Amino acid sequence: MQPRMLRLTDPVEAMVVEQAIALVRQLRQTCQTAPHGQVLAQTELVAVAQGRELSRQALEAVLNQTATPAEKKGHPNGSAPATRPAKAKGRPNAPL
């Protein structure tokens, strides 16, 4: 595959590309240092764990980037409607 020039349009894309490159480098390092017979198992563990983390961080960054200001603030403070507590059933003052 030939090297490519990429045009990244925002900081989230840049972060994801940088992390993906770091993942590839970590996989290469794991392949080189894994004991004979353990290369696939160890690189698979790295790929799954780091791939999941990359996906989580990408999702978090995209959601934060697209969240409205009201969503970023959270719920407004104030009282929430409550229902009356249910009456307890059973015998009052029952021995334990």
PDB file of N, CA and C in Angstrom:
ATOM      1  N   MET A   1       0.848  -1.166   0.000  1.00  0.00           N
ATOM      2  CA  MET A   1       0.000   0.000   0.000  1.00  0.00           C
ATOM      3  C   MET A   1       0.899   1.237   0.000  1.00  0.00           C
ATOM      4  N   GLN A   2       0.525   2.180  -0.788  1.00  0.00           N
ATOM      5  CA  GLN A   2       1.282   3.419  -0.896  1.00  0.00           C
ATOM      6  C   GLN A   2       0.923   4.377   0.239  1.00  0.00           C
ATOM      7  N   PRO A   3       1.910   5.137   0.726  1.00  0.00           N
ATOM      8  CA  PRO A   3       1.586   6.164   1.723  1.00  0.00           C
ATOM      9  C   PRO A   3       0.584   7.155   1.140  1.00  0.00           C
ATOM     10  N   ARG A   4      -0.265   7.679   2.003  1.00  0.00           N
ATOM     11  CA  ARG A   4      -1.307   8.614   1.560  1.00  0.00           C
ATOM     12  C   ARG A   4      -1.224   9.901   2.349  1.00  0.00           C
ATOM     13  N   MET A   5      -1.673  10.942   1.714  1.00  0.00           N
ATOM     14  CA  MET A   5      -1.836  12.221   2.389  1.00  0.00           C
ATOM     15  C   MET A   5      -3.294  12.304   2.820  1.00  0.00           C
ATOM     16  N   LEU A   6      -3.493  12.618   4.067  1.00  0.00           N
ATOM     17  CA  LEU A   6      -4.856  12.753   4.580  1.00  0.00           C
ATOM     18  C   LEU A   6      -5.100  14.203   4.952  1.00  0.00           C
ATOM     19  N   ARG A   7      -6.313  14.638   4.726  1.00  0.00           N
ATOM     20  CA  ARG A   7      -6.720  15.964   5.159  1.00  0.00           C
ATOM     21  C   ARG A   7      -7.687  15.768   6.318  1.00  0.00           C
ATOM     22  N   LEU A   8      -7.221  16.126   7.485  1.00  0.00           N
ATOM     23  CA  LEU A   8      -8.041  15.989   8.677  1.00  0.00           C
ATOM     24  C   LEU A   8      -8.782  17.301   8.880  1.00  0.00           C
ATOM     25  N   THR A   9     -10.076  17.185   9.135  1.00  0.00           N
ATOM     26  CA  THR A   9     -10.901  18.391   9.165  1.00  0.00           C
ATOM     27  C   THR A   9     -11.145  18.951  10.557  1.00  0.00           C
ATOM     28  N   ASP A  10     -10.789  18.193  11.597  1.00  0.00           N
ATOM     29  CA  ASP A  10     -10.999  18.714  12.950  1.00  0.00           C
ATOM     30  C   ASP A  10     -10.124  17.967  13.952  1.00  0.00           C
ATOM     31  N   PRO A  11     -10.059  18.449  15.179  1.00  0.00           N
ATOM     32  CA  PRO A  11      -9.205  17.821  16.193  1.00  0.00           C
ATOM     33  C   PRO A  11      -9.597  16.379  16.533  1.00  0.00           C
ATOM     34  N   VAL A  12     -10.856  16.053  16.424  1.00  0.00           N
ATOM     35  CA  VAL A  12     -11.288  14.685  16.734  1.00  0.00           C
ATOM     36  C   VAL A  12     -10.705  13.710  15.709  1.00  0.00           C
ATOM     37  N   GLU A  13     -10.766  14.072  14.435  1.00  0.00           N
ATOM     38  CA  GLU A  13     -10.170  13.220  13.407  1.00  0.00           C
ATOM     39  C   GLU A  13      -8.672  13.060  13.639  1.00  0.00           C
ATOM     40  N   ALA A  14      -8.011  14.131  13.994  1.00  0.00           N
ATOM     41  CA  ALA A  14      -6.572  14.074  14.250  1.00  0.00           C
ATOM     42  C   ALA A  14      -6.265  13.138  15.419  1.00  0.00           C
ATOM     43  N   MET A  15      -7.061  13.233  16.482  1.00  0.00           N
ATOM     44  CA  MET A  15      -6.862  12.374  17.641  1.00  0.00           C
ATOM     45  C   MET A  15      -7.038  10.903  17.272  1.00  0.00           C
ATOM     46  N   VAL A  16      -8.071  10.602  16.510  1.00  0.00           N
ATOM     47  CA  VAL A  16      -8.341   9.216  16.135  1.00  0.00           C
ATOM     48  C   VAL A  16      -7.228   8.667  15.240  1.00  0.00           C
ATOM     49  N   VAL A  17      -6.764   9.462  14.301  1.00  0.00           N
ATOM     50  CA  VAL A  17      -5.682   9.016  13.413  1.00  0.00           C
ATOM     51  C   VAL A  17      -4.406   8.779  14.217  1.00  0.00           C
ATOM     52  N   GLU A  18      -4.075   9.698  15.110  1.00  0.00           N
ATOM     53  CA  GLU A  18      -2.877   9.534  15.936  1.00  0.00           C
ATOM     54  C   GLU A  18      -2.959   8.274  16.792  1.00  0.00           C
ATOM     55  N   GLN A  19      -4.122   8.025  17.369  1.00  0.00           N
ATOM     56  CA  GLN A  19      -4.279   6.835  18.206  1.00  0.00           C
ATOM     57  C   GLN A  19      -4.249   5.558  17.374  1.00  0.00           C
ATOM     58  N   ALA A  20      -4.794   5.603  16.174  1.00  0.00           N
ATOM     59  CA  ALA A  20      -4.762   4.434  15.305  1.00  0.00           C
ATOM     60  C   ALA A  20      -3.318   4.112  14.915  1.00  0.00           C
ATOM     61  N   ILE A  21      -2.536   5.123  14.629  1.00  0.00           N
ATOM     62  CA  ILE A  21      -1.121   4.913  14.310  1.00  0.00           C
ATOM     63  C   ILE A  21      -0.397   4.334  15.521  1.00  0.00           C
ATOM     64  N   ALA A  22      -0.682   4.866  16.694  1.00  0.00           N
ATOM     65  CA  ALA A  22      -0.064   4.341  17.916  1.00  0.00           C
ATOM     66  C   ALA A  22      -0.445   2.879  18.129  1.00  0.00           C
ATOM     67  N   LEU A  23      -1.680   2.518  17.820  1.00  0.00           N
ATOM     68  CA  LEU A  23      -2.127   1.135  17.949  1.00  0.00           C
ATOM     69  C   LEU A  23      -1.342   0.226  17.003  1.00  0.00           C
ATOM     70  N   VAL A  24      -1.178   0.638  15.768  1.00  0.00           N
ATOM     71  CA  VAL A  24      -0.423  -0.165  14.798  1.00  0.00           C
ATOM     72  C   VAL A  24       1.011  -0.353  15.285  1.00  0.00           C
ATOM     73  N   ARG A  25       1.616   0.697  15.794  1.00  0.00           N
ATOM     74  CA  ARG A  25       2.989   0.600  16.292  1.00  0.00           C
ATOM     75  C   ARG A  25       3.073  -0.329  17.506  1.00  0.00           C
ATOM     76  N   GLN A  26       2.070  -0.266  18.362  1.00  0.00           N
ATOM     77  CA  GLN A  26       2.054  -1.146  19.528  1.00  0.00           C
ATOM     78  C   GLN A  26       1.874  -2.597  19.094  1.00  0.00           C
ATOM     79  N   LEU A  27       1.049  -2.839  18.094  1.00  0.00           N
ATOM     80  CA  LEU A  27       0.868  -4.201  17.585  1.00  0.00           C
ATOM     81  C   LEU A  27       2.174  -4.736  16.993  1.00  0.00           C
ATOM     82  N   ARG A  28       2.872  -3.901  16.246  1.00  0.00           N
ATOM     83  CA  ARG A  28       4.162  -4.323  15.683  1.00  0.00           C
ATOM     84  C   ARG A  28       5.145  -4.674  16.794  1.00  0.00           C
ATOM     85  N   GLN A  29       5.206  -3.822  17.817  1.00  0.00           N
ATOM     86  CA  GLN A  29       6.113  -4.061  18.937  1.00  0.00           C
ATOM     87  C   GLN A  29       5.758  -5.360  19.649  1.00  0.00           C
ATOM     88  N   THR A  30       4.467  -5.599  19.831  1.00  0.00           N
ATOM     89  CA  THR A  30       4.030  -6.828  20.489  1.00  0.00           C
ATOM     90  C   THR A  30       4.411  -8.046  19.664  1.00  0.00           C
ATOM     91  N   CYS A  31       4.255  -7.952  18.353  1.00  0.00           N
ATOM     92  CA  CYS A  31       4.653  -9.065  17.477  1.00  0.00           C
ATOM     93  C   CYS A  31       6.142  -9.369  17.604  1.00  0.00           C
ATOM     94  N   GLN A  32       6.936  -8.342  17.729  1.00  0.00           N
ATOM     95  CA  GLN A  32       8.390  -8.531  17.792  1.00  0.00           C
ATOM     96  C   GLN A  32       8.856  -9.072  19.139  1.00  0.00           C
ATOM     97  N   THR A  33       8.129  -8.755  20.200  1.00  0.00           N
ATOM     98  CA  THR A  33       8.585  -9.153  21.535  1.00  0.00           C
ATOM     99  C   THR A  33       7.856 -10.362  22.115  1.00  0.00           C
ATOM    100  N   ALA A  34       6.794 -10.793  21.484  1.00  0.00           N
ATOM    101  CA  ALA A  34       6.039 -11.941  22.005  1.00  0.00           C
ATOM    102  C   ALA A  34       6.859 -13.219  21.856  1.00  0.00           C
ATOM    103  N   PRO A  35       6.766 -14.096  22.831  1.00  0.00           N
ATOM    104  CA  PRO A  35       7.488 -15.368  22.727  1.00  0.00           C
ATOM    105  C   PRO A  35       6.950 -16.213  21.571  1.00  0.00           C
ATOM    106  N   HIS A  36       7.808 -17.059  21.060  1.00  0.00           N
ATOM    107  CA  HIS A  36       7.426 -17.964  19.968  1.00  0.00           C
ATOM    108  C   HIS A  36       6.172 -18.744  20.370  1.00  0.00           C
ATOM    109  N   GLY A  37       5.211 -18.785  19.482  1.00  0.00           N
ATOM    110  CA  GLY A  37       3.966 -19.502  19.743  1.00  0.00           C
ATOM    111  C   GLY A  37       2.912 -18.659  20.443  1.00  0.00           C
ATOM    112  N   GLN A  38       3.269 -17.444  20.826  1.00  0.00           N
ATOM    113  CA  GLN A  38       2.327 -16.568  21.538  1.00  0.00           C
ATOM    114  C   GLN A  38       2.024 -15.280  20.782  1.00  0.00           C
ATOM    115  N   VAL A  39       2.560 -15.133  19.581  1.00  0.00           N
ATOM    116  CA  VAL A  39       2.413 -13.881  18.832  1.00  0.00           C
ATOM    117  C   VAL A  39       0.949 -13.552  18.592  1.00  0.00           C
ATOM    118  N   LEU A  40       0.209 -14.473  18.044  1.00  0.00           N
ATOM    119  CA  LEU A  40      -1.200 -14.205  17.741  1.00  0.00           C
ATOM    120  C   LEU A  40      -1.994 -13.919  19.004  1.00  0.00           C
ATOM    121  N   ALA A  41      -1.813 -14.706  20.026  1.00  0.00           N
ATOM    122  CA  ALA A  41      -2.583 -14.523  21.261  1.00  0.00           C
ATOM    123  C   ALA A  41      -2.300 -13.159  21.887  1.00  0.00           C
ATOM    124  N   GLN A  42      -1.043 -12.779  21.956  1.00  0.00           N
ATOM    125  CA  GLN A  42      -0.709 -11.514  22.596  1.00  0.00           C
ATOM    126  C   GLN A  42      -1.115 -10.306  21.758  1.00  0.00           C
ATOM    127  N   THR A  43      -0.915 -10.385  20.447  1.00  0.00           N
ATOM    128  CA  THR A  43      -1.322  -9.246  19.619  1.00  0.00           C
ATOM    129  C   THR A  43      -2.834  -9.126  19.565  1.00  0.00           C
ATOM    130  N   GLU A  44      -3.524 -10.241  19.626  1.00  0.00           N
ATOM    131  CA  GLU A  44      -4.985 -10.208  19.655  1.00  0.00           C
ATOM    132  C   GLU A  44      -5.486  -9.508  20.921  1.00  0.00           C
ATOM    133  N   LEU A  45      -4.857  -9.794  22.048  1.00  0.00           N
ATOM    134  CA  LEU A  45      -5.245  -9.133  23.299  1.00  0.00           C
ATOM    135  C   LEU A  45      -5.053  -7.623  23.201  1.00  0.00           C
ATOM    136  N   VAL A  46      -3.919  -7.215  22.641  1.00  0.00           N
ATOM    137  CA  VAL A  46      -3.654  -5.782  22.470  1.00  0.00           C
ATOM    138  C   VAL A  46      -4.671  -5.169  21.516  1.00  0.00           C
ATOM    139  N   ALA A  47      -4.923  -5.839  20.393  1.00  0.00           N
ATOM    140  CA  ALA A  47      -5.843  -5.302  19.386  1.00  0.00           C
ATOM    141  C   ALA A  47      -7.246  -5.114  19.955  1.00  0.00           C
ATOM    142  N   VAL A  48      -7.716  -6.087  20.711  1.00  0.00           N
ATOM    143  CA  VAL A  48      -9.069  -5.996  21.255  1.00  0.00           C
ATOM    144  C   VAL A  48      -9.150  -4.892  22.315  1.00  0.00           C
ATOM    145  N   ALA A  49      -8.215  -4.911  23.253  1.00  0.00           N
ATOM    146  CA  ALA A  49      -8.258  -3.919  24.336  1.00  0.00           C
ATOM    147  C   ALA A  49      -8.048  -2.505  23.814  1.00  0.00           C
ATOM    148  N   GLN A  50      -7.028  -2.310  23.003  1.00  0.00           N
ATOM    149  CA  GLN A  50      -6.726  -0.970  22.508  1.00  0.00           C
ATOM    150  C   GLN A  50      -7.743  -0.530  21.453  1.00  0.00           C
ATOM    151  N   GLY A  51      -8.247  -1.459  20.680  1.00  0.00           N
ATOM    152  CA  GLY A  51      -9.282  -1.121  19.697  1.00  0.00           C
ATOM    153  C   GLY A  51     -10.559  -0.669  20.372  1.00  0.00           C
ATOM    154  N   ARG A  52     -10.906  -1.331  21.458  1.00  0.00           N
ATOM    155  CA  ARG A  52     -12.088  -0.938  22.230  1.00  0.00           C
ATOM    156  C   ARG A  52     -11.878   0.450  22.828  1.00  0.00           C
ATOM    157  N   GLU A  53     -10.692   0.706  23.362  1.00  0.00           N
ATOM    158  CA  GLU A  53     -10.404   2.011  23.953  1.00  0.00           C
ATOM    159  C   GLU A  53     -10.400   3.103  22.885  1.00  0.00           C
ATOM    160  N   LEU A  54      -9.849   2.810  21.717  1.00  0.00           N
ATOM    161  CA  LEU A  54      -9.872   3.768  20.615  1.00  0.00           C
ATOM    162  C   LEU A  54     -11.310   4.098  20.216  1.00  0.00           C
ATOM    163  N   SER A  55     -12.136   3.087  20.115  1.00  0.00           N
ATOM    164  CA  SER A  55     -13.542   3.311  19.762  1.00  0.00           C
ATOM    165  C   SER A  55     -14.256   4.121  20.840  1.00  0.00           C
ATOM    166  N   ARG A  56     -13.988   3.814  22.111  1.00  0.00           N
ATOM    167  CA  ARG A  56     -14.618   4.543  23.208  1.00  0.00           C
ATOM    168  C   ARG A  56     -14.218   6.012  23.194  1.00  0.00           C
ATOM    169  N   GLN A  57     -12.931   6.269  22.997  1.00  0.00           N
ATOM    170  CA  GLN A  57     -12.466   7.651  22.979  1.00  0.00           C
ATOM    171  C   GLN A  57     -12.988   8.414  21.766  1.00  0.00           C
ATOM    172  N   ALA A  58     -13.065   7.743  20.616  1.00  0.00           N
ATOM    173  CA  ALA A  58     -13.612   8.392  19.422  1.00  0.00           C
ATOM    174  C   ALA A  58     -15.083   8.740  19.634  1.00  0.00           C
ATOM    175  N   LEU A  59     -15.840   7.806  20.189  1.00  0.00           N
ATOM    176  CA  LEU A  59     -17.253   8.066  20.450  1.00  0.00           C
ATOM    177  C   LEU A  59     -17.415   9.212  21.437  1.00  0.00           C
ATOM    178  N   GLU A  60     -16.649   9.187  22.512  1.00  0.00           N
ATOM    179  CA  GLU A  60     -16.721  10.257  23.508  1.00  0.00           C
ATOM    180  C   GLU A  60     -16.396  11.615  22.887  1.00  0.00           C
ATOM    181  N   ALA A  61     -15.350  11.660  22.074  1.00  0.00           N
ATOM    182  CA  ALA A  61     -14.951  12.924  21.459  1.00  0.00           C
ATOM    183  C   ALA A  61     -16.019  13.441  20.495  1.00  0.00           C
ATOM    184  N   VAL A  62     -16.582  12.549  19.704  1.00  0.00           N
ATOM    185  CA  VAL A  62     -17.628  12.967  18.755  1.00  0.00           C
ATOM    186  C   VAL A  62     -18.864  13.446  19.497  1.00  0.00           C
ATOM    187  N   LEU A  63     -19.265  12.714  20.530  1.00  0.00           N
ATOM    188  CA  LEU A  63     -20.441  13.136  21.296  1.00  0.00           C
ATOM    189  C   LEU A  63     -20.204  14.476  21.982  1.00  0.00           C
ATOM    190  N   ASN A  64     -19.023  14.660  22.551  1.00  0.00           N
ATOM    191  CA  ASN A  64     -18.707  15.942  23.179  1.00  0.00           C
ATOM    192  C   ASN A  64     -18.673  17.075  22.166  1.00  0.00           C
ATOM    193  N   GLN A  65     -18.202  16.772  20.981  1.00  0.00           N
ATOM    194  CA  GLN A  65     -18.110  17.785  19.928  1.00  0.00           C
ATOM    195  C   GLN A  65     -19.496  18.195  19.433  1.00  0.00           C
ATOM    196  N   THR A  66     -20.427  17.261  19.413  1.00  0.00           N
ATOM    197  CA  THR A  66     -21.744  17.545  18.851  1.00  0.00           C
ATOM    198  C   THR A  66     -22.798  17.862  19.896  1.00  0.00           C
ATOM    199  N   ALA A  67     -22.452  17.731  21.165  1.00  0.00           N
ATOM    200  CA  ALA A  67     -23.429  18.001  22.228  1.00  0.00           C
ATOM    201  C   ALA A  67     -23.783  19.483  22.250  1.00  0.00           C
ATOM    202  N   THR A  68     -25.030  19.748  22.496  1.00  0.00           N
ATOM    203  CA  THR A  68     -25.467  21.140  22.615  1.00  0.00           C
ATOM    204  C   THR A  68     -24.996  21.691  23.956  1.00  0.00           C
ATOM    205  N   PRO A  69     -24.906  22.998  24.093  1.00  0.00           N
ATOM    206  CA  PRO A  69     -24.483  23.569  25.379  1.00  0.00           C
ATOM    207  C   PRO A  69     -25.365  23.111  26.549  1.00  0.00           C
ATOM    208  N   ALA A  70     -26.657  22.964  26.326  1.00  0.00           N
ATOM    209  CA  ALA A  70     -27.544  22.514  27.402  1.00  0.00           C
ATOM    210  C   ALA A  70     -27.205  21.085  27.821  1.00  0.00           C
ATOM    211  N   GLU A  71     -26.865  20.222  26.865  1.00  0.00           N
ATOM    212  CA  GLU A  71     -26.513  18.850  27.187  1.00  0.00           C
ATOM    213  C   GLU A  71     -25.203  18.789  27.960  1.00  0.00           C
ATOM    214  N   LYS A  72     -24.276  19.669  27.647  1.00  0.00           N
ATOM    215  CA  LYS A  72     -23.000  19.682  28.341  1.00  0.00           C
ATOM    216  C   LYS A  72     -23.152  20.115  29.795  1.00  0.00           C
ATOM    217  N   LYS A  73     -24.143  20.974  30.067  1.00  0.00           N
ATOM    218  CA  LYS A  73     -24.351  21.459  31.431  1.00  0.00           C
ATOM    219  C   LYS A  73     -24.982  20.400  32.318  1.00  0.00           C
ATOM    220  N   GLY A  74     -25.738  19.511  31.762  1.00  0.00           N
ATOM    221  CA  GLY A  74     -26.445  18.512  32.562  1.00  0.00           C
ATOM    222  C   GLY A  74     -27.840  19.000  32.893  1.00  0.00           C
ATOM    223  N   HIS A  75     -28.493  18.317  33.777  1.00  0.00           N
ATOM    224  CA  HIS A  75     -29.860  18.675  34.158  1.00  0.00           C
ATOM    225  C   HIS A  75     -29.857  19.927  35.020  1.00  0.00           C
ATOM    226  N   PRO A  76     -30.846  20.787  34.840  1.00  0.00           N
ATOM    227  CA  PRO A  76     -30.916  21.972  35.690  1.00  0.00           C
ATOM    228  C   PRO A  76     -31.228  21.581  37.131  1.00  0.00           C
ATOM    229  N   ASN A  77     -30.737  22.376  38.055  1.00  0.00           N
ATOM    230  CA  ASN A  77     -31.031  22.124  39.466  1.00  0.00           C
ATOM    231  C   ASN A  77     -32.482  22.484  39.740  1.00  0.00           C
ATOM    232  N   GLY A  78     -33.053  21.801  40.651  1.00  0.00           N
ATOM    233  CA  GLY A  78     -34.434  22.081  41.014  1.00  0.00           C
ATOM    234  C   GLY A  78     -35.063  20.848  41.605  1.00  0.00           C
ATOM    235  N   SER A  79     -36.294  21.011  42.016  1.00  0.00           N
ATOM    236  CA  SER A  79     -36.965  19.871  42.623  1.00  0.00           C
ATOM    237  C   SER A  79     -37.561  18.985  41.549  1.00  0.00           C
ATOM    238  N   ALA A  80     -37.584  17.733  41.859  1.00  0.00           N
ATOM    239  CA  ALA A  80     -38.183  16.764  40.953  1.00  0.00           C
ATOM    240  C   ALA A  80     -39.506  16.316  41.558  1.00  0.00           C
ATOM    241  N   PRO A  81     -40.504  16.066  40.730  1.00  0.00           N
ATOM    242  CA  PRO A  81     -41.772  15.607  41.283  1.00  0.00           C
ATOM    243  C   PRO A  81     -41.589  14.240  41.927  1.00  0.00           C
ATOM    244  N   ALA A  82     -42.209  14.076  43.070  1.00  0.00           N
ATOM    245  CA  ALA A  82     -42.106  12.799  43.771  1.00  0.00           C
ATOM    246  C   ALA A  82     -43.505  12.287  44.064  1.00  0.00           C
ATOM    247  N   THR A  83     -43.616  11.003  44.161  1.00  0.00           N
ATOM    248  CA  THR A  83     -44.901  10.403  44.521  1.00  0.00           C
ATOM    249  C   THR A  83     -44.899  10.152  46.013  1.00  0.00           C
ATOM    250  N   ARG A  84     -46.072   9.941  46.541  1.00  0.00           N
ATOM    251  CA  ARG A  84     -46.174   9.631  47.961  1.00  0.00           C
ATOM    252  C   ARG A  84     -45.571   8.251  48.199  1.00  0.00           C
ATOM    253  N   PRO A  85     -44.890   8.094  49.319  1.00  0.00           N
ATOM    254  CA  PRO A  85     -44.332   6.766  49.603  1.00  0.00           C
ATOM    255  C   PRO A  85     -45.454   5.760  49.830  1.00  0.00           C
ATOM    256  N   ALA A  86     -45.234   4.558  49.374  1.00  0.00           N
ATOM    257  CA  ALA A  86     -46.218   3.493  49.555  1.00  0.00           C
ATOM    258  C   ALA A  86     -46.285   3.118  51.030  1.00  0.00           C
ATOM    259  N   LYS A  87     -47.480   2.747  51.486  1.00  0.00           N
ATOM    260  CA  LYS A  87     -47.614   2.306  52.861  1.00  0.00           C
ATOM    261  C   LYS A  87     -46.970   0.939  53.014  1.00  0.00           C
ATOM    262  N   ALA A  88     -46.284   0.769  54.123  1.00  0.00           N
ATOM    263  CA  ALA A  88     -45.629  -0.504  54.383  1.00  0.00           C
ATOM    264  C   ALA A  88     -46.671  -1.561  54.666  1.00  0.00           C
ATOM    265  N   LYS A  89     -46.421  -2.729  54.162  1.00  0.00           N
ATOM    266  CA  LYS A  89     -47.316  -3.855  54.420  1.00  0.00           C
ATOM    267  C   LYS A  89     -46.674  -4.758  55.443  1.00  0.00           C
ATOM    268  N   GLY A  90     -47.475  -5.471  56.173  1.00  0.00           N
ATOM    269  CA  GLY A  90     -46.945  -6.377  57.169  1.00  0.00           C
ATOM    270  C   GLY A  90     -47.397  -5.950  58.549  1.00  0.00           C
ATOM    271  N   ARG A  91     -46.948  -6.691  59.532  1.00  0.00           N
ATOM    272  CA  ARG A  91     -47.355  -6.400  60.901  1.00  0.00           C
ATOM    273  C   ARG A  91     -46.461  -5.314  61.479  1.00  0.00           C
ATOM    274  N   PRO A  92     -47.047  -4.334  62.113  1.00  0.00           N
ATOM    275  CA  PRO A  92     -46.229  -3.320  62.775  1.00  0.00           C
ATOM    276  C   PRO A  92     -45.549  -3.932  63.989  1.00  0.00           C
ATOM    277  N   ASN A  93     -44.361  -3.499  64.257  1.00  0.00           N
ATOM    278  CA  ASN A  93     -43.589  -3.917  65.425  1.00  0.00           C
ATOM    279  C   ASN A  93     -43.441  -5.437  65.523  1.00  0.00           C
ATOM    280  N   ALA A  94     -43.285  -6.077  64.394  1.00  0.00           N
ATOM    281  CA  ALA A  94     -43.107  -7.526  64.390  1.00  0.00           C
ATOM    282  C   ALA A  94     -41.720  -7.842  64.945  1.00  0.00           C
ATOM    283  N   PRO A  95     -41.598  -8.896  65.784  1.00  0.00           N
ATOM    284  CA  PRO A  95     -40.281  -9.260  66.307  1.00  0.00           C
ATOM    285  C   PRO A  95     -39.381  -9.746  65.176  1.00  0.00           C
ATOM    286  N   LEU A  96     -38.075  -9.471  65.328  1.00  0.00           N
ATOM    287  CA  LEU A  96     -37.108  -9.868  64.313  1.00  0.00           C
ATOM    288  C   LEU A  96     -36.680 -11.276  64.459  1.00  0.00           C
TER     289      LEU A  96
END
